[in-house]
Amino acid sequence: MPHTHAHTKAEAIHEALEVFEAQHHHAPNPHEKARLVSDTIKEWEHEEVEAMHPTDSAS
């Protein structure tokens, strides 16, 4: 999954839905949407943690 770079979870989800529709030429069915929302939230939260706690590349 690509990096979201979104400021909020809602923005990240909205962007992910738009990308899905553009790539697949249809709106996601309920199963696809649930998976997409879950994956997007995980990625967004991971990016937020990384932004708050940058890894030390000098180690």
N, C-alpha and C. Protein backbone atom coordinates (compact mmCIF):
# COMPACT_ATOMS: atom_id res chain seq x y z
N MET A 1 0.86 -1.18 0.00
CA MET A 1 0.00 0.00 0.00
C MET A 1 0.90 1.24 0.00
N PRO A 2 0.57 2.21 -0.82
CA PRO A 2 1.39 3.42 -0.87
C PRO A 2 1.23 4.26 0.38
N HIS A 3 2.22 5.10 0.63
CA HIS A 3 2.14 6.00 1.78
C HIS A 3 0.98 6.97 1.56
N THR A 4 0.28 7.25 2.64
CA THR A 4 -0.91 8.10 2.53
C THR A 4 -0.57 9.58 2.51
N HIS A 5 0.34 10.04 3.35
CA HIS A 5 0.69 11.46 3.50
C HIS A 5 -0.53 12.31 3.83
N ALA A 6 -1.60 11.70 4.30
CA ALA A 6 -2.81 12.44 4.66
C ALA A 6 -2.70 12.93 6.09
N HIS A 7 -3.36 14.04 6.36
CA HIS A 7 -3.31 14.64 7.69
C HIS A 7 -4.26 13.95 8.68
N THR A 8 -5.33 13.36 8.17
CA THR A 8 -6.29 12.68 9.04
C THR A 8 -6.60 11.30 8.49
N LYS A 9 -7.14 10.43 9.35
CA LYS A 9 -7.55 9.10 8.90
C LYS A 9 -8.64 9.22 7.84
N ALA A 10 -9.59 10.13 8.06
CA ALA A 10 -10.68 10.29 7.11
C ALA A 10 -10.17 10.69 5.74
N GLU A 11 -9.21 11.59 5.71
CA GLU A 11 -8.62 12.01 4.43
C GLU A 11 -7.90 10.84 3.76
N ALA A 12 -7.19 10.05 4.53
CA ALA A 12 -6.49 8.90 3.99
C ALA A 12 -7.47 7.88 3.40
N ILE A 13 -8.57 7.64 4.09
CA ILE A 13 -9.58 6.71 3.61
C ILE A 13 -10.21 7.23 2.33
N HIS A 14 -10.55 8.49 2.30
CA HIS A 14 -11.15 9.11 1.11
C HIS A 14 -10.21 8.95 -0.09
N GLU A 15 -8.94 9.24 0.11
CA GLU A 15 -7.95 9.12 -0.97
C GLU A 15 -7.83 7.67 -1.43
N ALA A 16 -7.82 6.74 -0.48
CA ALA A 16 -7.69 5.32 -0.83
C ALA A 16 -8.89 4.85 -1.66
N LEU A 17 -10.08 5.32 -1.30
CA LEU A 17 -11.28 4.95 -2.06
C LEU A 17 -11.21 5.52 -3.48
N GLU A 18 -10.74 6.76 -3.61
CA GLU A 18 -10.61 7.36 -4.94
C GLU A 18 -9.61 6.60 -5.80
N VAL A 19 -8.49 6.22 -5.20
CA VAL A 19 -7.46 5.47 -5.93
C VAL A 19 -8.02 4.11 -6.36
N PHE A 20 -8.72 3.44 -5.46
CA PHE A 20 -9.31 2.14 -5.79
C PHE A 20 -10.24 2.27 -6.99
N GLU A 21 -11.14 3.26 -6.94
CA GLU A 21 -12.09 3.44 -8.02
C GLU A 21 -11.39 3.75 -9.34
N ALA A 22 -10.34 4.54 -9.30
CA ALA A 22 -9.60 4.88 -10.51
C ALA A 22 -8.89 3.65 -11.08
N GLN A 23 -8.32 2.83 -10.21
CA GLN A 23 -7.58 1.65 -10.67
C GLN A 23 -8.49 0.52 -11.13
N HIS A 24 -9.63 0.34 -10.47
CA HIS A 24 -10.50 -0.81 -10.75
C HIS A 24 -11.74 -0.44 -11.55
N HIS A 25 -11.95 0.83 -11.79
CA HIS A 25 -13.07 1.33 -12.59
C HIS A 25 -14.43 0.95 -12.03
N HIS A 26 -14.50 0.80 -10.71
CA HIS A 26 -15.77 0.59 -10.02
C HIS A 26 -15.58 0.89 -8.54
N ALA A 27 -16.67 1.20 -7.88
CA ALA A 27 -16.62 1.42 -6.44
C ALA A 27 -16.41 0.07 -5.76
N PRO A 28 -15.70 0.06 -4.64
CA PRO A 28 -15.47 -1.22 -3.96
C PRO A 28 -16.76 -1.80 -3.39
N ASN A 29 -16.86 -3.14 -3.44
CA ASN A 29 -18.01 -3.78 -2.80
C ASN A 29 -17.76 -3.73 -1.29
N PRO A 30 -18.73 -4.10 -0.48
CA PRO A 30 -18.54 -3.98 0.98
C PRO A 30 -17.31 -4.70 1.52
N HIS A 31 -17.00 -5.88 1.00
CA HIS A 31 -15.82 -6.63 1.46
C HIS A 31 -14.54 -5.88 1.08
N GLU A 32 -14.45 -5.42 -0.15
CA GLU A 32 -13.27 -4.67 -0.60
C GLU A 32 -13.12 -3.37 0.19
N LYS A 33 -14.23 -2.70 0.43
CA LYS A 33 -14.18 -1.44 1.15
C LYS A 33 -13.70 -1.64 2.59
N ALA A 34 -14.21 -2.68 3.24
CA ALA A 34 -13.78 -2.96 4.62
C ALA A 34 -12.28 -3.23 4.68
N ARG A 35 -11.78 -4.04 3.74
CA ARG A 35 -10.35 -4.34 3.71
C ARG A 35 -9.54 -3.09 3.41
N LEU A 36 -10.01 -2.29 2.48
CA LEU A 36 -9.31 -1.06 2.10
C LEU A 36 -9.25 -0.08 3.28
N VAL A 37 -10.37 0.08 3.97
CA VAL A 37 -10.41 0.98 5.12
C VAL A 37 -9.46 0.48 6.21
N SER A 38 -9.50 -0.81 6.50
CA SER A 38 -8.63 -1.39 7.53
C SER A 38 -7.16 -1.19 7.17
N ASP A 39 -6.79 -1.53 5.94
CA ASP A 39 -5.39 -1.40 5.51
C ASP A 39 -4.94 0.06 5.53
N THR A 40 -5.83 0.95 5.12
CA THR A 40 -5.49 2.37 5.09
C THR A 40 -5.26 2.92 6.49
N ILE A 41 -6.11 2.54 7.43
CA ILE A 41 -5.95 2.99 8.81
C ILE A 41 -4.63 2.47 9.39
N LYS A 42 -4.32 1.20 9.14
CA LYS A 42 -3.06 0.63 9.64
C LYS A 42 -1.87 1.41 9.09
N GLU A 43 -1.88 1.68 7.79
CA GLU A 43 -0.78 2.40 7.16
C GLU A 43 -0.68 3.83 7.69
N TRP A 44 -1.83 4.51 7.83
CA TRP A 44 -1.84 5.88 8.31
C TRP A 44 -1.28 5.94 9.74
N GLU A 45 -1.73 5.00 10.60
CA GLU A 45 -1.25 4.99 11.98
C GLU A 45 0.25 4.67 12.02
N HIS A 46 0.72 3.78 11.18
CA HIS A 46 2.14 3.45 11.12
C HIS A 46 2.95 4.69 10.73
N GLU A 47 2.47 5.43 9.74
CA GLU A 47 3.16 6.65 9.32
C GLU A 47 3.16 7.70 10.42
N GLU A 48 2.07 7.80 11.16
CA GLU A 48 2.00 8.77 12.26
C GLU A 48 3.02 8.42 13.35
N VAL A 49 3.15 7.14 13.67
CA VAL A 49 4.12 6.71 14.68
C VAL A 49 5.53 7.01 14.19
N GLU A 50 5.81 6.71 12.92
CA GLU A 50 7.14 7.02 12.36
C GLU A 50 7.43 8.51 12.40
N ALA A 51 6.43 9.33 12.13
CA ALA A 51 6.63 10.78 12.14
C ALA A 51 6.92 11.29 13.56
N MET A 52 6.30 10.66 14.56
CA MET A 52 6.51 11.09 15.94
C MET A 52 7.80 10.54 16.52
N HIS A 53 8.22 9.38 16.02
CA HIS A 53 9.41 8.69 16.54
C HIS A 53 10.32 8.28 15.38
N PRO A 54 11.01 9.22 14.78
CA PRO A 54 11.88 8.86 13.65
C PRO A 54 12.94 7.87 14.09
N THR A 55 13.24 6.93 13.19
CA THR A 55 14.26 5.94 13.51
C THR A 55 15.64 6.58 13.38
N ASP A 56 16.54 6.10 14.20
CA ASP A 56 17.91 6.62 14.20
C ASP A 56 18.73 5.82 13.20
N SER A 57 18.99 6.39 12.04
CA SER A 57 19.72 5.67 10.99
C SER A 57 21.22 5.59 11.28
N ALA A 58 21.72 6.29 12.29
CA ALA A 58 23.15 6.28 12.62
C ALA A 58 23.52 5.05 13.47
N SER A 59 22.54 4.32 13.97
CA SER A 59 22.83 3.16 14.83
C SER A 59 23.46 2.04 14.07
